[in-house]
C-alpha atoms as a PDB file:
ATOM      1  CA  MET A   1       2.841 -26.684 -11.094  1.00  0.00           C
ATOM      2  CA  THR A   2       1.875 -27.273  -7.741  1.00  0.00           C
ATOM      3  CA  ARG A   3       4.741 -25.587  -6.436  1.00  0.00           C
ATOM      4  CA  ARG A   4       3.663 -22.429  -8.104  1.00  0.00           C
ATOM      5  CA  LEU A   5      -0.073 -23.023  -7.069  1.00  0.00           C
ATOM      6  CA  ILE A   6       1.819 -23.281  -3.620  1.00  0.00           C
ATOM      7  CA  GLY A   7       3.718 -20.073  -4.038  1.00  0.00           C
ATOM      8  CA  ILE A   8       0.517 -18.269  -4.999  1.00  0.00           C
ATOM      9  CA  VAL A   9      -1.621 -19.352  -2.645  1.00  0.00           C
ATOM     10  CA  ALA A  10       0.798 -18.471   0.572  1.00  0.00           C
ATOM     11  CA  ARG A  11       1.495 -15.186  -0.949  1.00  0.00           C
ATOM     12  CA  ALA A  12      -1.778 -14.605  -0.856  1.00  0.00           C
ATOM     13  CA  LEU A  13      -2.575 -15.301   2.881  1.00  0.00           C
ATOM     14  CA  ARG A  14       0.798 -13.080   3.722  1.00  0.00           C
ATOM     15  CA  GLU A  15      -0.381  -9.781   1.747  1.00  0.00           C
ATOM     16  CA  THR A  16      -2.568  -7.517   4.124  1.00  0.00           C
ATOM     17  CA  PRO A  17      -5.174  -5.731   2.185  1.00  0.00           C
ATOM     18  CA  ALA A  18      -4.432  -2.729   0.303  1.00  0.00           C
ATOM     19  CA  ASP A  19      -5.897  -0.138   2.452  1.00  0.00           C
ATOM     20  CA  ALA A  20      -4.544  -1.098   5.261  1.00  0.00           C
ATOM     21  CA  HIS A  21      -1.378   1.039   4.706  1.00  0.00           C
ATOM     22  CA  VAL A  22      -2.851   3.654   2.653  1.00  0.00           C
ATOM     23  CA  HIS A  23      -1.928   7.420   3.281  1.00  0.00           C
ATOM     24  CA  PHE A  24      -1.888  10.729   1.927  1.00  0.00           C
ATOM     25  CA  HIS A  25       0.657  12.923   0.310  1.00  0.00           C
ATOM     26  CA  GLN A  26      -0.013  16.763  -1.232  1.00  0.00           C
ATOM     27  CA  GLY A  27      -0.312  15.934  -4.371  1.00  0.00           C
ATOM     28  CA  SER A  28       1.065  18.548  -7.369  1.00  0.00           C
ATOM     29  CA  LEU A  29      -1.528  21.151  -7.589  1.00  0.00           C
ATOM     30  CA  GLY A  30      -2.478  20.742  -3.644  1.00  0.00           C
ATOM     31  CA  GLN A  31      -5.038  17.990  -3.447  1.00  0.00           C
ATOM     32  CA  PRO A  32      -4.080  14.903  -1.744  1.00  0.00           C
ATOM     33  CA  ALA A  33      -2.864  12.305  -3.275  1.00  0.00           C
ATOM     34  CA  ALA A  34      -2.865   8.875  -2.562  1.00  0.00           C
ATOM     35  CA  CYS A  35       0.057   6.678  -1.151  1.00  0.00           C
ATOM     36  CA  HIS A  36      -0.038   2.661  -0.951  1.00  0.00           C
ATOM     37  CA  ASP A  37       3.449   2.239   0.020  1.00  0.00           C
ATOM     38  CA  PRO A  38       3.626   1.021   3.336  1.00  0.00           C
ATOM     39  CA  ARG A  39       7.527   1.847   3.475  1.00  0.00           C
ATOM     40  CA  CYS A  40       7.186   5.313   2.238  1.00  0.00           C
ATOM     41  CA  GLU A  41       9.333   7.395   4.360  1.00  0.00           C
ATOM     42  CA  ARG A  42       7.741  10.984   2.912  1.00  0.00           C
ATOM     43  CA  PRO A  43       5.791  13.058   5.359  1.00  0.00           C
ATOM     44  CA  HIS A  44       2.264  12.023   5.238  1.00  0.00           C
ATOM     45  CA  LEU A  45      -0.350  14.573   4.750  1.00  0.00           C
ATOM     46  CA  ASP A  46      -2.029  15.624   8.267  1.00  0.00           C
ATOM     47  CA  ALA A  47      -5.863  15.335   7.924  1.00  0.00           C
ATOM     48  CA  CYS A  48      -6.419  17.880  10.881  1.00  0.00           C
END
């Protein structure tokens, strides 16, 4: 139980906020679609 609790706390401290890696792609109907995968290699939607 103690190891499990230590593991949960350690993972929580290592994780970055979800919004830190949010980017957007073109959705199926042309609207922006959010992507939360920091390792995503698809082209990102240009906001300009």
